Structure formats: C-alpha cells, structure tokens
C-alpha cells in the first residue's frame, strides 16, 4: 500500500517538546499554518468517513457470481480479479508522484470519479471486459489513497501531525465499520438485493464526489511544493537540505536531483538491521496478506454457495475484522519488549500462526470457522503493522519516512503481481481458489521458517557476545510509545479493500 495515514506522523513521535514551550519555540508560520485549520481537519475527517460508506463493497464477489451477473467462478478468479493487481501496479508510482506534485485535491477528485465508475460498471456492465475495467478503476482508487493519507499534513503544523493523523485514521475505520454493518443489515434484515445495494453505494460515492469538490487546495506538499522557508523562518526540510540549500537558496534545481539523492540515502539506510527486517516483513507479508484479501470472498462462496442472500454474512465479517484489527493495532502500542533481540521471533510466531489460519480456511467445510480464521488472520497482521511503522520510522525524517514506505509498498506490489501472474492468471497456472490458498499457505510457512531460523541466529549471536551483567539488560523492556496509531495500506480494511 502506499504510505498510510499514520506513517508520516510516526517520524515526529519521538521529538515532541512540552506543550508549554511548543508555541513559543516554533515559527509563527508553523504555529498556525491556517487559522481555519480545525474546520478543515473536521471536514477532511467527515469526508474520509463518508467516502468509506459503500455498503455493497463487501458483497461484490457474490454479486458477480450470482444471478444478477452470472459470471463463472473461473472467470472471476482467473480473468477478472487479477486485473486489480495489475492496475494497482501500473498506477502506483505515477499516482504517488502526481499526488504530491498536484497537491492532493486533483488526485482525490480522480479517486471519487473512479469510485463512481466502479459502481456504474457494476450496475450497468454485463461483459467480462466491463468487469475488468471495473477492477482497473479499483486499482486507481487504491493507489489514490495516498492523497487522503498525506493531505492532513498540509493542514497542520508538524507538532500536531500524530494527533491529527489519528483523527483522520479513526474516521476511515469508523466509515469502513459503518459501511460493513449497514450493508449486512440491508441484506439480512431488509432483504435488499445485491443490485439495490450497489445502487445505494453509487449514491454514496456520488455524494463523496461532491464533498471532494469543496476540499481546500493546499499551498504546499511534501516533495514538490514548498513555501519559501527563508521568508517564513521555518526550519529547512529534508528536501531543502538535499538540494544544498536551507530554504530560499538552491531550490531551483531540487526537483531534478533531490528525490534521486533521497532514494540513494534510503538505499544506505537499508544497512540498519531493524529497518531492513521490518521493511522485508512489509514487502513479503503484505503481499501475501492482500492476495488473501483479494480471493477470500471467492473461497467463502466455494465453501458456502448460499442461494439466499440473507445468509451471506460478508459485511458482518468485514465489520468484525475491522473492529478487532483496530483493537489489535491499539494493543500493539503497549507491547514492551526489546525489539532488537525479539523482533524475528515475534514476526516468525505471528507468521506461523497466519499460515495455520490459511490452512484452516482452506480445509474446513464450516463457513463460520472460515470466517473466524479470516478475522484472526487480519487482526494478527494489523497487530504487527503499527510496530513495523514505528520500527521503520523512528529514526527518519518525514520525507525519508514517506519514501521508505513508498519503496516498500512498490516492491510488495511487484511481488504480488508476479505471484498473481504465475498462480491466478489464466495465462499462468490459472489455479482455482482452493489450490491458490494452498500456495499462500506454503508461502507463509516458508516465511515463518525463515523468520524463526533468523531468530535462532540472533539468539546464538547474542549469547556469544553477551558479557557478564548483560542478562539483566536483555530482560529490560524497550518502551514502545503507547500511542502508536494503526496503519493504512494498505488497503486498510477488507471493507475498504474488497476481494
């Protein structure tokens, strides 16, 4: 996924000054970037909430496989769904750059128009090509989420990043939860058809487009649009330093070289063991995680091909997994261990647990057991996401932080695309959903074994280097800030990211 709503805020988490001294020490321009910033933040959070209200999203796969569209499972699995991965891969980097260069709002407008296109195609489209085009627009909406994630940082001063990011993230999670519950209530209690639910979703995304038009166009952005810091007295940013200037000087050519120099610095940072470990976790585990999300609804339909729409509980499961994932992310902020010693072991144990859940999901004939395994799988992933964010971001500037997560997301997307071409696409192996999940089980098992072997290696090296008196130090907890907010990716949510 593109850098989440909380990624950049973590870069500032460790250096906050006492509140009494904050306003006195920071420049006037930073203390109040805009006197109406509170209203703008409230409107952005309201926008983030409303754009997640798409009650038909959790039921798209049964809608495609049902009598409304009547596509075969092979068409949905091997022809239609893979386009989502390819589309996301194609538009990720251009969207990342255009988001910053165009200062967020135009990309948010594009995202809203893409949402409208998705539901128009779902309602009116009848061919496989139309559904592939729908998945293409879905990839655009996924890539464009970076615009909402980053927009908040153009509205407030750096000292408020973490709190404001948590507000915007909470608005998204609440919207996803509300959307999933609303969709499930309409299906189970209101006896609403999937087609009618998609019309309701079309109304909501159209309203979201109207809200987008009233968003303020920011004057600055992270990389390509900077205010004159020599004039306003603000400290130079990482981009200013890379350009060889401290604000007003040397800015003429920075667009051409600074980003490349920052990418080289990111490559040098890969030598740091913890940053390298958690970046690799981000690449490999998130690739497998999202592949599971893409195809899990097809698996549910295979296990329990319900003929009565009222007995399809996808929305309720998405709501439960979103809620439990948020709780797991919050709990991760209070985990106190020495991460330099125990990271590999924790990652290995969680990954092994996920491999077991994938095997259970694929072998059980009980749909409720499959639902439960899915909820636990998502929650275990969301548990590690905020830890990864903090471990990666704690020593980086916000510009380098954004680049590291952007690079990690890009490589994860490349890996996901390669696996999709080989495993799911009809031009590759074209496996049906059950064999695919055996592949994902093997993939997570291999990762778990690798992490656990690395943990053994870390333990052996530590025991050899340990001097007398260090045992007590090893047992001392290493504090993780209590306020580590949950992530985004990623397609933060199965409600916001449907299979």
Protein backbone atom coordinates (compact mmCIF):
# COMPACT_ATOMS: atom_id res chain seq x y z
CA UNK A 1 0.00 0.00 0.00
CA UNK A 2 1.06 3.44 -0.23
CA UNK A 3 2.19 5.11 2.99
CA UNK A 4 -0.72 5.07 5.40
CA UNK A 5 -2.40 7.86 7.27
CA UNK A 6 -0.17 7.43 10.31
CA UNK A 7 3.18 6.82 8.65
CA UNK A 8 4.49 10.36 8.49
CA UNK A 9 3.22 11.17 11.96
CA UNK A 10 5.42 8.44 13.45
CA UNK A 11 8.51 10.27 12.20
CA UNK A 12 7.70 13.07 14.62
CA UNK A 13 6.54 10.92 17.52
CA UNK A 14 9.81 10.84 19.41
CA UNK A 15 10.72 14.51 19.35
CA UNK A 16 7.72 16.37 20.69
CA UNK A 17 8.51 19.27 23.03
CA UNK A 18 6.49 20.04 26.17
CA UNK A 19 3.30 21.79 25.21
CA UNK A 20 4.10 24.96 27.18
CA UNK A 21 7.24 25.56 25.17
CA UNK A 22 5.91 24.45 21.79
CA UNK A 23 4.20 27.58 20.65
CA UNK A 24 6.98 29.81 21.92
CA UNK A 25 9.74 27.95 20.11
CA UNK A 26 8.19 27.17 16.75
CA UNK A 27 7.92 29.78 13.97
CA UNK A 28 4.72 31.71 13.57
CA UNK A 29 4.07 30.14 10.21
CA UNK A 30 4.34 26.68 11.74
CA UNK A 31 2.28 27.51 14.81
CA UNK A 32 -0.72 28.38 12.67
CA UNK A 33 -0.44 27.37 9.01
CA UNK A 34 -4.06 28.39 8.61
CA UNK A 35 -6.36 29.98 11.17
CA UNK A 36 -9.19 27.76 9.95
CA UNK A 37 -7.21 24.52 10.21
CA UNK A 38 -9.55 22.97 12.80
CA UNK A 39 -12.54 23.35 10.50
CA UNK A 40 -10.53 21.97 7.58
CA UNK A 41 -9.41 18.94 9.62
CA UNK A 42 -13.00 18.30 10.71
CA UNK A 43 -14.21 18.50 7.12
CA UNK A 44 -11.42 16.18 5.94
CA UNK A 45 -12.35 13.62 8.61
CA UNK A 46 -16.02 13.87 7.66
CA UNK A 47 -15.01 13.40 4.03
CA UNK A 48 -12.88 10.38 4.96
CA UNK A 49 -15.81 8.85 6.83
CA UNK A 50 -18.39 9.42 4.10
CA UNK A 51 -16.21 8.14 1.26
CA UNK A 52 -15.93 4.79 3.03
CA UNK A 53 -19.72 4.30 3.07
CA UNK A 54 -20.05 1.78 0.26
CA UNK A 55 -22.38 -0.90 1.69
CA UNK A 56 -22.26 -3.03 -1.45
CA UNK A 57 -18.48 -3.42 -1.33
CA UNK A 58 -18.44 -6.49 0.92
CA UNK A 59 -20.81 -8.30 -1.45
CA UNK A 60 -19.27 -7.66 -4.86
CA UNK A 61 -17.99 -11.20 -5.35
CA UNK A 62 -21.32 -12.96 -4.58
CA UNK A 63 -22.98 -10.32 -6.77
CA UNK A 64 -20.72 -11.23 -9.70
CA UNK A 65 -21.21 -14.96 -9.14
CA UNK A 66 -24.96 -14.69 -8.52
CA UNK A 67 -27.90 -14.48 -10.92
CA UNK A 68 -27.52 -10.70 -11.37
CA UNK A 69 -24.29 -11.10 -13.39
CA UNK A 70 -23.92 -14.87 -13.61
CA UNK A 71 -20.16 -14.96 -14.22
CA UNK A 72 -18.45 -18.29 -13.65
CA UNK A 73 -16.06 -18.78 -10.76
CA UNK A 74 -13.20 -19.36 -13.20
CA UNK A 75 -13.90 -16.00 -14.89
CA UNK A 76 -13.97 -14.13 -11.59
CA UNK A 77 -10.90 -15.94 -10.19
CA UNK A 78 -8.60 -16.12 -13.21
CA UNK A 79 -9.76 -13.36 -15.57
CA UNK A 80 -11.44 -10.50 -13.66
CA UNK A 81 -9.78 -10.30 -10.22
CA UNK A 82 -6.12 -10.37 -11.43
CA UNK A 83 -6.70 -7.05 -13.23
CA UNK A 84 -6.91 -5.35 -9.81
CA UNK A 85 -3.30 -6.28 -9.04
CA UNK A 86 -2.06 -5.25 -12.49
CA UNK A 87 -3.90 -1.94 -12.37
CA UNK A 88 -2.56 -1.08 -8.93
CA UNK A 89 0.96 -1.95 -10.06
CA UNK A 90 0.65 0.25 -13.17
CA UNK A 91 -0.69 3.38 -11.46
CA UNK A 92 1.06 3.22 -8.06
CA UNK A 93 4.23 5.20 -8.84
CA UNK A 94 2.59 7.83 -11.12
CA UNK A 95 -0.13 8.38 -8.54
CA UNK A 96 2.41 8.71 -5.73
CA UNK A 97 4.28 11.42 -7.64
CA UNK A 98 1.23 13.22 -9.04
CA UNK A 99 -0.40 13.32 -5.61
CA UNK A 100 2.41 15.48 -4.29
CA UNK A 101 3.02 17.47 -7.48
CA UNK A 102 -0.66 18.37 -7.94
CA UNK A 103 -1.15 18.97 -4.19
CA UNK A 104 -3.58 16.20 -3.31
CA UNK A 105 -7.00 17.53 -4.31
CA UNK A 106 -6.92 16.64 -8.05
CA UNK A 107 -6.00 13.05 -7.14
CA UNK A 108 -8.84 12.91 -4.61
CA UNK A 109 -11.20 14.08 -7.36
CA UNK A 110 -9.82 11.33 -9.62
CA UNK A 111 -10.39 8.81 -6.84
CA UNK A 112 -14.01 9.88 -6.42
CA UNK A 113 -14.63 9.71 -10.17
CA UNK A 114 -13.09 6.23 -10.20
CA UNK A 115 -15.44 5.14 -7.40
CA UNK A 116 -18.41 6.36 -9.44
CA UNK A 117 -17.07 4.49 -12.48
CA UNK A 118 -16.76 1.29 -10.43
CA UNK A 119 -20.38 1.27 -9.36
CA UNK A 120 -21.70 2.37 -12.73
CA UNK A 121 -19.91 -0.58 -14.28
CA UNK A 122 -21.16 -2.93 -11.56
CA UNK A 123 -24.75 -1.80 -12.14
CA UNK A 124 -24.72 -1.48 -15.93
CA UNK A 125 -21.87 -3.72 -17.13
CA UNK A 126 -22.64 -7.20 -18.38
CA UNK A 127 -19.41 -8.42 -20.01
CA UNK A 128 -16.11 -9.72 -18.65
CA UNK A 129 -14.38 -6.71 -20.25
CA UNK A 130 -16.64 -4.32 -18.30
CA UNK A 131 -15.74 -6.07 -15.04
CA UNK A 132 -12.04 -5.93 -15.90
CA UNK A 133 -12.45 -2.20 -16.46
CA UNK A 134 -14.16 -2.01 -13.07
CA UNK A 135 -11.12 -3.67 -11.48
CA UNK A 136 -8.86 -1.20 -13.29
CA UNK A 137 -10.69 1.71 -11.68
CA UNK A 138 -10.49 -0.12 -8.37
CA UNK A 139 -6.72 -0.15 -8.68
CA UNK A 140 -6.77 3.62 -9.20
CA UNK A 141 -8.81 4.15 -6.03
CA UNK A 142 -6.35 2.02 -4.08
CA UNK A 143 -3.32 3.94 -5.31
CA UNK A 144 -5.06 7.29 -4.75
CA UNK A 145 -5.49 6.65 -1.03
CA UNK A 146 -2.08 8.24 -0.50
CA UNK A 147 -3.73 11.58 -1.32
CA UNK A 148 -6.05 11.39 1.69
CA UNK A 149 -3.25 10.00 3.87
CA UNK A 150 -0.95 12.91 3.04
CA UNK A 151 -3.50 15.72 2.79
CA UNK A 152 -3.75 16.07 6.57
CA UNK A 153 -0.08 17.05 6.83
CA UNK A 154 -0.58 20.09 4.62
CA UNK A 155 -3.19 21.48 7.02
CA UNK A 156 -1.45 21.40 10.40
CA UNK A 157 1.90 22.12 11.99
CA UNK A 158 4.36 19.23 12.49
CA UNK A 159 3.73 19.22 16.24
CA UNK A 160 0.11 18.20 15.54
CA UNK A 161 0.86 15.50 12.93
CA UNK A 162 0.39 12.47 15.16
CA UNK A 163 -2.86 13.56 16.76
CA UNK A 164 -4.43 14.77 13.51
CA UNK A 165 -3.36 11.61 11.70
CA UNK A 166 -5.04 9.52 14.38
CA UNK A 167 -8.24 11.54 13.88
CA UNK A 168 -8.28 11.01 10.13
CA UNK A 169 -7.41 7.34 10.52
CA UNK A 170 -10.19 6.86 13.06
CA UNK A 171 -12.66 8.49 10.67
CA UNK A 172 -11.71 5.99 7.94
CA UNK A 173 -12.01 2.99 10.26
CA UNK A 174 -15.36 4.20 11.55
CA UNK A 175 -16.55 4.65 7.97
CA UNK A 176 -15.45 1.14 6.99
CA UNK A 177 -17.12 -0.35 10.06
CA UNK A 178 -20.33 1.61 9.48
CA UNK A 179 -20.40 0.65 5.80
CA UNK A 180 -19.96 -3.05 6.55
CA UNK A 181 -22.65 -3.04 9.25
CA UNK A 182 -25.05 -1.08 7.06
CA UNK A 183 -24.55 -3.48 4.16
CA UNK A 184 -25.11 -6.53 6.37
CA UNK A 185 -28.26 -5.06 7.92
CA UNK A 186 -29.67 -4.26 4.48
CA UNK A 187 -29.02 -7.82 3.29
CA UNK A 188 -30.03 -9.81 6.37
CA UNK A 189 -32.86 -7.72 7.83
CA UNK A 190 -34.01 -5.52 4.96
CA UNK A 191 -33.95 -8.29 2.35
CA UNK A 192 -32.29 -5.84 -0.06
CA UNK A 193 -30.88 -7.37 -3.25
CA UNK A 194 -27.21 -7.07 -4.17
CA UNK A 195 -28.17 -4.93 -7.16
CA UNK A 196 -30.15 -2.48 -5.00
CA UNK A 197 -27.25 -2.32 -2.55
CA UNK A 198 -24.96 -1.34 -5.41
CA UNK A 199 -27.35 1.46 -6.36
CA UNK A 200 -27.16 2.67 -2.73
CA UNK A 201 -23.36 2.56 -2.94
CA UNK A 202 -23.48 4.58 -6.17
CA UNK A 203 -25.47 7.28 -4.37
CA UNK A 204 -22.95 7.43 -1.54
CA UNK A 205 -19.87 7.61 -3.80
CA UNK A 206 -21.58 10.35 -5.84
CA UNK A 207 -22.11 12.30 -2.63
CA UNK A 208 -18.44 11.71 -1.82
CA UNK A 209 -17.50 13.28 -5.16
CA UNK A 210 -19.49 16.40 -4.24
CA UNK A 211 -17.65 16.58 -0.90
CA UNK A 212 -14.33 16.34 -2.74
CA UNK A 213 -15.07 19.50 -4.72
CA UNK A 214 -15.23 21.55 -1.50
CA UNK A 215 -11.85 20.44 -0.18
CA UNK A 216 -9.33 23.25 0.00
CA UNK A 217 -6.39 23.11 -2.39
CA UNK A 218 -3.24 23.12 -0.19
CA UNK A 219 -0.45 25.55 -1.00
CA UNK A 220 2.33 23.14 -0.07
CA UNK A 221 3.13 19.44 -0.28
CA UNK A 222 5.83 17.11 0.92
CA UNK A 223 8.24 16.95 -2.03
CA UNK A 224 7.36 19.20 -4.98
CA UNK A 225 5.67 22.26 -3.48
CA UNK A 226 7.40 24.11 -0.68
CA UNK A 227 6.72 27.54 0.73
CA UNK A 228 9.66 29.94 0.97
CA UNK A 229 11.10 28.89 4.30
CA UNK A 230 13.69 31.62 4.27
CA UNK A 231 10.85 34.10 4.43
CA UNK A 232 8.63 32.40 6.98
CA UNK A 233 11.52 31.38 9.24
CA UNK A 234 10.70 27.68 9.30
CA UNK A 235 13.39 25.06 9.59
CA UNK A 236 14.62 23.62 6.30
CA UNK A 237 13.09 20.32 5.28
CA UNK A 238 14.95 17.19 4.21
CA UNK A 239 14.29 18.15 0.59
CA UNK A 240 15.80 21.59 1.14
CA UNK A 241 18.91 20.03 2.66
CA UNK A 242 19.22 17.54 -0.17
CA UNK A 243 19.04 20.42 -2.61
CA UNK A 244 22.01 22.03 -0.94
CA UNK A 245 20.05 24.95 0.45
CA UNK A 246 18.40 25.92 3.69
CA UNK A 247 15.17 27.33 2.38
CA UNK A 248 15.36 30.06 -0.21
CA UNK A 249 18.74 29.12 -1.68
CA UNK A 250 19.36 26.28 -4.09
CA UNK A 251 15.72 25.49 -4.74
CA UNK A 252 15.85 25.96 -8.50
CA UNK A 253 17.19 22.53 -9.38
CA UNK A 254 15.97 20.44 -6.46
CA UNK A 255 13.06 18.96 -8.37
CA UNK A 256 15.51 17.20 -10.67
CA UNK A 257 18.02 15.77 -8.20
CA UNK A 258 16.79 15.84 -4.59
CA UNK A 259 14.37 12.93 -4.89
CA UNK A 260 17.07 10.77 -6.50
CA UNK A 261 19.53 11.67 -3.75
CA UNK A 262 16.94 10.75 -1.14
CA UNK A 263 16.42 7.39 -2.84
CA UNK A 264 20.17 6.75 -2.60
CA UNK A 265 20.04 7.62 1.08
CA UNK A 266 17.18 5.16 1.53
CA UNK A 267 19.42 2.51 0.00
CA UNK A 268 22.13 3.33 2.53
CA UNK A 269 19.61 3.13 5.38
CA UNK A 270 18.88 -0.48 4.39
CA UNK A 271 22.07 -1.43 6.26
CA UNK A 272 20.28 -0.80 9.57
CA UNK A 273 19.20 -4.27 10.82
CA UNK A 274 15.81 -3.31 12.28
CA UNK A 275 14.82 -1.10 9.36
CA UNK A 276 15.85 -3.85 6.93
CA UNK A 277 13.99 -6.58 8.86
CA UNK A 278 10.71 -4.72 9.16
CA UNK A 279 10.91 -3.46 5.59
CA UNK A 280 11.29 -7.05 4.40
CA UNK A 281 8.32 -8.03 6.56
CA UNK A 282 6.34 -5.20 4.96
CA UNK A 283 7.21 -6.38 1.45
CA UNK A 284 6.74 -10.13 1.81
CA UNK A 285 3.93 -10.37 4.36
CA UNK A 286 1.79 -7.58 2.98
CA UNK A 287 1.98 -9.14 -0.49
CA UNK A 288 0.58 -12.41 0.86
CA UNK A 289 -1.94 -10.62 3.05
CA UNK A 290 -3.53 -8.70 0.20
CA UNK A 291 -3.59 -11.71 -2.10
CA UNK A 292 -5.61 -13.48 0.57
CA UNK A 293 -7.97 -10.49 0.77
CA UNK A 294 -8.48 -10.42 -2.98
CA UNK A 295 -9.61 -14.05 -3.19
CA UNK A 296 -11.15 -14.83 0.19
CA UNK A 297 -14.72 -13.99 -0.85
CA UNK A 298 -14.40 -16.47 -3.71
CA UNK A 299 -13.30 -19.07 -1.15
CA UNK A 300 -16.32 -18.28 1.03
CA UNK A 301 -18.62 -18.72 -1.94
CA UNK A 302 -16.96 -22.07 -2.69
CA UNK A 303 -17.37 -23.29 0.90
CA UNK A 304 -20.91 -21.98 1.30
CA UNK A 305 -22.63 -21.15 -2.01
CA UNK A 306 -25.67 -19.55 -0.38
CA UNK A 307 -28.78 -19.35 -2.52
CA UNK A 308 -30.43 -17.00 -0.02
CA UNK A 309 -28.75 -13.57 0.06
CA UNK A 310 -29.84 -13.11 3.68
CA UNK A 311 -27.42 -15.88 4.66
CA UNK A 312 -24.39 -14.15 3.15
CA UNK A 313 -22.56 -12.54 6.07
CA UNK A 314 -19.61 -10.89 4.32
CA UNK A 315 -20.48 -7.44 5.69
CA UNK A 316 -20.66 -8.65 9.29
CA UNK A 317 -17.33 -10.44 8.96
CA UNK A 318 -15.70 -7.34 7.47
CA UNK A 319 -17.09 -5.24 10.33
CA UNK A 320 -15.79 -7.69 12.96
CA UNK A 321 -12.36 -7.92 11.37
CA UNK A 322 -12.11 -4.13 11.10
CA UNK A 323 -13.03 -3.68 14.76
CA UNK A 324 -10.74 -6.42 16.05
CA UNK A 325 -7.93 -5.21 13.79
CA UNK A 326 -8.22 -1.72 15.28
CA UNK A 327 -8.10 -3.19 18.80
CA UNK A 328 -5.04 -5.29 17.90
CA UNK A 329 -3.27 -2.25 16.45
CA UNK A 330 -4.02 -0.26 19.59
CA UNK A 331 -2.79 -3.07 21.85
CA UNK A 332 0.47 -3.30 19.90
CA UNK A 333 1.35 0.18 21.15
CA UNK A 334 1.60 -1.15 24.69
CA UNK A 335 3.81 -4.16 23.94
CA UNK A 336 7.09 -3.66 25.81
CA UNK A 337 9.95 -5.90 24.71
CA UNK A 338 13.45 -5.42 23.44
CA UNK A 339 12.77 -5.40 19.71
CA UNK A 340 16.41 -5.61 18.64
CA UNK A 341 16.51 -9.05 20.27
CA UNK A 342 12.98 -10.40 19.82
CA UNK A 343 11.72 -8.97 16.51
CA UNK A 344 12.49 -12.05 14.40
CA UNK A 345 10.87 -14.37 16.94
CA UNK A 346 7.67 -12.29 17.20
CA UNK A 347 7.38 -11.98 13.41
CA UNK A 348 8.06 -15.69 12.98
CA UNK A 349 5.45 -16.75 15.52
CA UNK A 350 2.77 -14.45 14.07
CA UNK A 351 3.56 -15.58 10.52
CA UNK A 352 3.38 -19.25 11.57
CA UNK A 353 0.01 -18.54 13.19
CA UNK A 354 -1.17 -16.94 9.94
CA UNK A 355 0.00 -19.96 7.94
CA UNK A 356 -2.06 -22.20 10.20
CA UNK A 357 -5.10 -19.97 9.75
CA UNK A 358 -4.75 -20.14 5.96
CA UNK A 359 -4.63 -23.93 6.10
CA UNK A 360 -7.72 -23.96 8.32
CA UNK A 361 -9.60 -21.60 6.00
CA UNK A 362 -8.79 -23.78 3.00
CA UNK A 363 -9.59 -27.18 4.51
CA UNK A 364 -12.68 -26.51 6.62
CA UNK A 365 -16.19 -27.04 5.30
CA UNK A 366 -17.67 -24.90 8.09
CA UNK A 367 -18.18 -21.34 6.85
CA UNK A 368 -18.24 -19.92 10.38
CA UNK A 369 -14.86 -21.48 11.15
CA UNK A 370 -13.55 -19.97 7.91
CA UNK A 371 -14.96 -16.58 8.91
CA UNK A 372 -13.28 -16.79 12.33
CA UNK A 373 -9.92 -17.74 10.81
CA UNK A 374 -10.18 -14.79 8.43
CA UNK A 375 -10.89 -12.34 11.27
CA UNK A 376 -7.92 -13.67 13.26
CA UNK A 377 -5.66 -13.53 10.20
CA UNK A 378 -6.46 -9.88 9.55
CA UNK A 379 -6.13 -8.97 13.23
CA UNK A 380 -2.72 -10.63 13.56
CA UNK A 381 -1.49 -8.68 10.53
CA UNK A 382 -2.88 -5.40 11.89
CA UNK A 383 -1.16 -6.17 15.21
CA UNK A 384 2.27 -6.05 13.56
CA UNK A 385 1.61 -3.08 11.26
CA UNK A 386 1.98 -0.28 13.88
CA UNK A 387 5.08 -1.98 15.30
CA UNK A 388 6.60 -2.07 11.81
CA UNK A 389 5.69 1.58 11.26
CA UNK A 390 7.38 2.66 14.47
CA UNK A 391 10.47 0.49 13.99
CA UNK A 392 10.99 1.84 10.47
CA UNK A 393 10.05 5.46 11.05
CA UNK A 394 11.53 6.27 14.45
CA UNK A 395 14.91 7.38 13.08
CA UNK A 396 13.78 9.01 9.81
CA UNK A 397 12.67 12.46 8.74
CA UNK A 398 9.13 12.60 7.43
CA UNK A 399 10.35 12.88 3.82
CA UNK A 400 12.60 9.83 4.12
CA UNK A 401 9.85 8.06 6.03
CA UNK A 402 7.42 8.58 3.16
CA UNK A 403 9.99 7.35 0.64
CA UNK A 404 10.85 4.21 2.64
CA UNK A 405 7.21 3.20 2.91
CA UNK A 406 6.65 4.09 -0.73
CA UNK A 407 9.58 1.91 -1.81
CA UNK A 408 8.42 -0.95 0.44
CA UNK A 409 4.91 -0.74 -0.97
CA UNK A 410 6.24 -0.70 -4.54
CA UNK A 411 8.30 -3.87 -4.04
CA UNK A 412 5.36 -5.55 -2.29
CA UNK A 413 3.18 -4.70 -5.27
CA UNK A 414 5.78 -6.07 -7.70
CA UNK A 415 5.93 -9.32 -5.72
CA UNK A 416 2.15 -9.52 -5.56
CA UNK A 417 1.94 -9.02 -9.32
CA UNK A 418 4.48 -11.77 -10.01
CA UNK A 419 2.59 -14.23 -7.80
CA UNK A 420 -0.70 -13.28 -9.45
CA UNK A 421 0.71 -13.85 -12.95
CA UNK A 422 2.09 -17.26 -12.00
CA UNK A 423 -0.68 -18.56 -9.73
CA UNK A 424 -4.00 -16.88 -10.55
CA UNK A 425 -3.92 -15.54 -14.11
CA UNK A 426 -5.29 -17.85 -16.78
CA UNK A 427 -2.13 -17.19 -18.80
CA UNK A 428 -0.14 -18.71 -15.92
CA UNK A 429 -1.20 -21.73 -13.88
CA UNK A 430 -4.76 -20.38 -13.62
CA UNK A 431 -5.38 -22.19 -10.33
CA UNK A 432 -8.83 -22.30 -8.78
CA UNK A 433 -9.29 -20.78 -5.35
CA UNK A 434 -8.52 -23.86 -3.17
CA UNK A 435 -5.15 -24.63 -4.83
CA UNK A 436 -4.34 -20.92 -4.61
CA UNK A 437 -4.82 -20.94 -0.86
CA UNK A 438 -2.53 -23.95 -0.58
CA UNK A 439 0.09 -21.85 -2.39
CA UNK A 440 -0.48 -18.97 0.07
CA UNK A 441 -0.20 -21.45 2.97
CA UNK A 442 3.13 -22.67 1.63
CA UNK A 443 4.27 -19.08 1.10
CA UNK A 444 3.56 -18.06 4.71
CA UNK A 445 5.05 -21.31 6.01
CA UNK A 446 8.30 -20.59 4.15
CA UNK A 447 8.33 -17.05 5.57
CA UNK A 448 7.70 -18.34 9.10
CA UNK A 449 10.54 -20.86 8.88
CA UNK A 450 12.87 -18.15 7.58
CA UNK A 451 11.98 -15.73 10.38
CA UNK A 452 12.31 -18.40 13.08
CA UNK A 453 15.71 -19.51 11.77
CA UNK A 454 16.78 -15.86 11.80
CA UNK A 455 15.56 -15.63 15.41
CA UNK A 456 17.71 -18.62 16.33
CA UNK A 457 20.68 -16.95 14.66
CA UNK A 458 20.07 -13.71 16.58
CA UNK A 459 19.86 -15.65 19.84
CA UNK A 460 23.11 -17.50 19.16
CA UNK A 461 24.95 -14.30 18.23
CA UNK A 462 23.63 -12.55 21.30
CA UNK A 463 24.64 -15.36 23.66
CA UNK A 464 28.17 -15.35 22.22
CA UNK A 465 28.58 -11.58 22.55
CA UNK A 466 26.91 -11.28 25.93
CA UNK A 467 29.19 -10.05 28.70
CA UNK A 468 28.62 -10.59 32.43
CA UNK A 469 25.87 -8.37 33.68
CA UNK A 470 24.12 -8.06 30.33
CA UNK A 471 21.46 -10.63 31.16
CA UNK A 472 19.58 -8.08 33.23
CA UNK A 473 19.77 -5.62 30.37
CA UNK A 474 18.32 -8.18 27.95
CA UNK A 475 15.30 -8.58 30.18
CA UNK A 476 14.68 -4.86 30.41
CA UNK A 477 11.70 -3.87 28.27
CA UNK A 478 12.27 -1.45 25.45
CA UNK A 479 9.39 1.02 25.59
CA UNK A 480 7.23 1.31 22.50
CA UNK A 481 5.23 4.55 22.66
CA UNK A 482 1.75 3.93 23.94
CA UNK A 483 0.27 5.99 21.17
CA UNK A 484 1.29 4.12 18.07
CA UNK A 485 -1.67 4.57 15.73
CA UNK A 486 -2.88 1.82 13.39
CA UNK A 487 -1.85 1.80 9.76
CA UNK A 488 -3.46 2.08 6.30
CA UNK A 489 -2.38 0.04 3.16
CA UNK A 490 -2.63 -0.92 2.91
CA UNK A 491 -5.89 -1.23 1.98
CA UNK A 492 -6.52 -0.88 5.44
CA UNK A 493 -9.62 -2.80 5.57
CA UNK A 494 -11.40 -5.54 3.78
CA UNK A 495 -14.40 -3.26 3.80
CA UNK A 496 -12.34 -0.66 2.03
CA UNK A 497 -10.48 -3.30 0.06
CA UNK A 498 -12.82 -5.96 -1.22
CA UNK A 499 -11.88 -9.34 -2.51
